[in-house]
Amino acid sequence: MALPQSVLVVDDEAHIRVILQRILTAMGIPYVHVAENGREACDMYSQFKCELVVMDINMPVMTGTEAVARIRAEDPDAKVIMLTSLASRRAVEQSAEAGAMDYLRKDLPLEQLKIRLREAIEEAFE
């Protein structure tokens, strides 16, 4: 399985961005960009054309669901994995309807998050 060369991590919580950036870098992904809200994610996606976006559902300025819809409107082939800790079932469904491929619970224990993130990436790049 080939890993993506560039990933955009989007979360309004700085510590989550750092954790995900470290996990992805340790996997061997050379370019990990970070954004703190959906609007910034859309701008960065347009600029960097990352192969994968890992995005929180609930964020200020623009939600992850809104950002996924905009990114997928720009690039229908964009691969997006959503993150959630408190999202409602409806928010997860709306993200899937907007084009998200999968979603992960970001409140998993660290080792489980690493495993689940790798599995989601492998599924996205089969």
C-alpha atoms as a PDB file:
ATOM      1  CA  MET A   1       0.000   0.000   0.000  1.00  0.00           C
ATOM      2  CA  ALA A   2       1.330   3.402  -0.949  1.00  0.00           C
ATOM      3  CA  LEU A   3       0.831   6.114   1.627  1.00  0.00           C
ATOM      4  CA  PRO A   4      -0.167   9.605   0.579  1.00  0.00           C
ATOM      5  CA  GLN A   5       2.697  12.056   0.257  1.00  0.00           C
ATOM      6  CA  SER A   6       0.710  14.988   1.618  1.00  0.00           C
ATOM      7  CA  VAL A   7      -2.027  15.215   4.246  1.00  0.00           C
ATOM      8  CA  LEU A   8      -3.964  18.194   5.558  1.00  0.00           C
ATOM      9  CA  VAL A   9      -4.945  17.923   9.239  1.00  0.00           C
ATOM     10  CA  VAL A  10      -7.792  20.223  10.293  1.00  0.00           C
ATOM     11  CA  ASP A  11      -8.860  20.652  13.910  1.00  0.00           C
ATOM     12  CA  ASP A  12      -9.595  23.652  16.107  1.00  0.00           C
ATOM     13  CA  GLU A  13      -7.741  22.024  19.011  1.00  0.00           C
ATOM     14  CA  ALA A  14      -3.978  22.618  18.752  1.00  0.00           C
ATOM     15  CA  HIS A  15      -3.034  19.495  20.718  1.00  0.00           C
ATOM     16  CA  ILE A  16      -5.057  17.284  18.356  1.00  0.00           C
ATOM     17  CA  ARG A  17      -3.322  18.858  15.348  1.00  0.00           C
ATOM     18  CA  VAL A  18       0.072  18.169  16.933  1.00  0.00           C
ATOM     19  CA  ILE A  19      -0.798  14.559  17.828  1.00  0.00           C
ATOM     20  CA  LEU A  20      -2.097  13.793  14.336  1.00  0.00           C
ATOM     21  CA  GLN A  21       0.848  15.533  12.688  1.00  0.00           C
ATOM     22  CA  ARG A  22       3.259  13.406  14.747  1.00  0.00           C
ATOM     23  CA  ILE A  23       1.368  10.168  13.987  1.00  0.00           C
ATOM     24  CA  LEU A  24       1.299  10.870  10.255  1.00  0.00           C
ATOM     25  CA  THR A  25       4.957  11.907  10.148  1.00  0.00           C
ATOM     26  CA  ALA A  26       5.914   8.728  12.040  1.00  0.00           C
ATOM     27  CA  MET A  27       4.014   6.731   9.382  1.00  0.00           C
ATOM     28  CA  GLY A  28       6.383   8.170   6.796  1.00  0.00           C
ATOM     29  CA  ILE A  29       4.157  10.841   5.266  1.00  0.00           C
ATOM     30  CA  PRO A  30       6.567  13.626   4.280  1.00  0.00           C
ATOM     31  CA  TYR A  31       4.189  16.601   4.034  1.00  0.00           C
ATOM     32  CA  VAL A  32       1.661  17.194   6.801  1.00  0.00           C
ATOM     33  CA  HIS A  33      -0.055  20.570   6.660  1.00  0.00           C
ATOM     34  CA  VAL A  34      -2.322  21.868   9.425  1.00  0.00           C
ATOM     35  CA  ALA A  35      -5.337  24.174   9.568  1.00  0.00           C
ATOM     36  CA  GLU A  36      -7.504  25.207  12.511  1.00  0.00           C
ATOM     37  CA  ASN A  37     -10.918  25.655  10.880  1.00  0.00           C
ATOM     38  CA  GLY A  38     -12.889  24.728   7.798  1.00  0.00           C
ATOM     39  CA  ARG A  39     -12.329  27.992   5.944  1.00  0.00           C
ATOM     40  CA  GLU A  40      -8.576  27.701   6.401  1.00  0.00           C
ATOM     41  CA  ALA A  41      -8.805  24.062   5.284  1.00  0.00           C
ATOM     42  CA  CYS A  42     -10.518  25.040   2.022  1.00  0.00           C
ATOM     43  CA  ASP A  43      -7.866  27.680   1.313  1.00  0.00           C
ATOM     44  CA  MET A  44      -5.005  25.297   2.107  1.00  0.00           C
ATOM     45  CA  TYR A  45      -6.532  22.476   0.072  1.00  0.00           C
ATOM     46  CA  SER A  46      -6.723  24.796  -2.938  1.00  0.00           C
ATOM     47  CA  GLN A  47      -3.104  25.783  -2.410  1.00  0.00           C
ATOM     48  CA  PHE A  48      -1.500  22.394  -1.653  1.00  0.00           C
ATOM     49  CA  LYS A  49      -3.895  19.836  -3.249  1.00  0.00           C
ATOM     50  CA  CYS A  50      -3.174  17.353  -0.460  1.00  0.00           C
ATOM     51  CA  GLU A  51      -3.899  13.717  -1.235  1.00  0.00           C
ATOM     52  CA  LEU A  52      -5.821  13.282   2.016  1.00  0.00           C
ATOM     53  CA  VAL A  53      -7.652  15.535   4.461  1.00  0.00           C
ATOM     54  CA  VAL A  54      -8.222  14.498   8.093  1.00  0.00           C
ATOM     55  CA  MET A  55     -10.795  16.934   9.480  1.00  0.00           C
ATOM     56  CA  ASP A  56     -12.744  17.559  12.655  1.00  0.00           C
ATOM     57  CA  ILE A  57     -16.510  17.784  12.223  1.00  0.00           C
ATOM     58  CA  ASN A  58     -17.214  20.473  14.837  1.00  0.00           C
ATOM     59  CA  MET A  59     -15.174  23.650  14.406  1.00  0.00           C
ATOM     60  CA  PRO A  60     -15.763  27.389  14.584  1.00  0.00           C
ATOM     61  CA  VAL A  61     -15.742  29.644  11.486  1.00  0.00           C
ATOM     62  CA  MET A  62     -16.773  26.775   9.156  1.00  0.00           C
ATOM     63  CA  THR A  63     -17.697  23.244  10.187  1.00  0.00           C
ATOM     64  CA  GLY A  64     -15.905  20.214   8.846  1.00  0.00           C
ATOM     65  CA  THR A  65     -19.067  19.147   7.037  1.00  0.00           C
ATOM     66  CA  GLU A  66     -19.280  22.480   5.207  1.00  0.00           C
ATOM     67  CA  ALA A  67     -15.574  22.318   4.374  1.00  0.00           C
ATOM     68  CA  VAL A  68     -15.854  18.767   3.002  1.00  0.00           C
ATOM     69  CA  ALA A  69     -18.684  19.875   0.716  1.00  0.00           C
ATOM     70  CA  ARG A  70     -16.613  22.798  -0.608  1.00  0.00           C
ATOM     71  CA  ILE A  71     -13.455  20.741  -1.056  1.00  0.00           C
ATOM     72  CA  ARG A  72     -15.353  17.980  -2.863  1.00  0.00           C
ATOM     73  CA  ALA A  73     -17.096  20.571  -5.074  1.00  0.00           C
ATOM     74  CA  GLU A  74     -13.632  21.801  -6.094  1.00  0.00           C
ATOM     75  CA  ASP A  75     -12.183  18.287  -6.369  1.00  0.00           C
ATOM     76  CA  PRO A  76     -14.697  15.418  -6.558  1.00  0.00           C
ATOM     77  CA  ASP A  77     -11.840  12.931  -6.044  1.00  0.00           C
ATOM     78  CA  ALA A  78     -10.694  14.483  -2.747  1.00  0.00           C
ATOM     79  CA  LYS A  79     -10.230  11.926   0.018  1.00  0.00           C
ATOM     80  CA  VAL A  80     -11.493  13.098   3.421  1.00  0.00           C
ATOM     81  CA  ILE A  81     -11.573  11.289   6.757  1.00  0.00           C
ATOM     82  CA  MET A  82     -13.577  13.014   9.471  1.00  0.00           C
ATOM     83  CA  LEU A  83     -12.719  13.218  13.166  1.00  0.00           C
ATOM     84  CA  THR A  84     -15.223  13.500  15.957  1.00  0.00           C
ATOM     85  CA  SER A  85     -15.476  13.258  19.702  1.00  0.00           C
ATOM     86  CA  LEU A  86     -18.903  14.723  20.359  1.00  0.00           C
ATOM     87  CA  ALA A  87     -20.607  14.838  16.975  1.00  0.00           C
ATOM     88  CA  SER A  88     -24.174  13.695  16.678  1.00  0.00           C
ATOM     89  CA  ARG A  89     -25.122  10.780  14.469  1.00  0.00           C
ATOM     90  CA  ARG A  90     -26.717  13.306  12.102  1.00  0.00           C
ATOM     91  CA  ALA A  91     -23.453  15.293  11.822  1.00  0.00           C
ATOM     92  CA  VAL A  92     -21.599  12.115  10.874  1.00  0.00           C
ATOM     93  CA  GLU A  93     -24.302  11.284   8.307  1.00  0.00           C
ATOM     94  CA  GLN A  94     -24.134  14.815   6.874  1.00  0.00           C
ATOM     95  CA  SER A  95     -20.356  14.504   6.543  1.00  0.00           C
ATOM     96  CA  ALA A  96     -20.769  11.238   4.648  1.00  0.00           C
ATOM     97  CA  GLU A  97     -23.379  12.875   2.404  1.00  0.00           C
ATOM     98  CA  ALA A  98     -20.902  15.712   1.749  1.00  0.00           C
ATOM     99  CA  GLY A  99     -18.309  13.176   0.610  1.00  0.00           C
ATOM    100  CA  ALA A 100     -16.308  12.054   3.640  1.00  0.00           C
ATOM    101  CA  MET A 101     -15.011   8.500   3.234  1.00  0.00           C
ATOM    102  CA  ASP A 102     -14.762   7.522   6.880  1.00  0.00           C
ATOM    103  CA  TYR A 103     -14.768   8.960  10.363  1.00  0.00           C
ATOM    104  CA  LEU A 104     -12.635   8.356  13.429  1.00  0.00           C
ATOM    105  CA  ARG A 105     -13.212   9.003  17.101  1.00  0.00           C
ATOM    106  CA  LYS A 106     -10.451  11.356  18.154  1.00  0.00           C
ATOM    107  CA  ASP A 107     -10.973  10.490  21.827  1.00  0.00           C
ATOM    108  CA  LEU A 108      -9.661   6.942  21.330  1.00  0.00           C
ATOM    109  CA  PRO A 109      -6.609   5.914  23.346  1.00  0.00           C
ATOM    110  CA  LEU A 110      -3.504   6.970  21.404  1.00  0.00           C
ATOM    111  CA  GLU A 111      -2.473   3.482  20.256  1.00  0.00           C
ATOM    112  CA  GLN A 112      -5.987   2.715  19.018  1.00  0.00           C
ATOM    113  CA  LEU A 113      -6.124   6.068  17.211  1.00  0.00           C
ATOM    114  CA  LYS A 114      -2.841   5.234  15.442  1.00  0.00           C
ATOM    115  CA  ILE A 115      -4.155   1.836  14.364  1.00  0.00           C
ATOM    116  CA  ARG A 116      -7.525   3.145  13.238  1.00  0.00           C
ATOM    117  CA  LEU A 117      -5.968   6.068  11.343  1.00  0.00           C
ATOM    118  CA  ARG A 118      -3.600   3.729   9.487  1.00  0.00           C
ATOM    119  CA  GLU A 119      -6.529   1.422   8.627  1.00  0.00           C
ATOM    120  CA  ALA A 120      -8.598   4.345   7.316  1.00  0.00           C
ATOM    121  CA  ILE A 121      -5.675   5.564   5.188  1.00  0.00           C
ATOM    122  CA  GLU A 122      -5.077   2.074   3.812  1.00  0.00           C
ATOM    123  CA  GLU A 123      -8.762   1.791   2.876  1.00  0.00           C
ATOM    124  CA  ALA A 124      -8.661   5.195   1.179  1.00  0.00           C
ATOM    125  CA  PHE A 125      -5.606   4.294  -0.914  1.00  0.00           C
ATOM    126  CA  GLU A 126      -6.363   0.680  -1.881  1.00  0.00           C
END
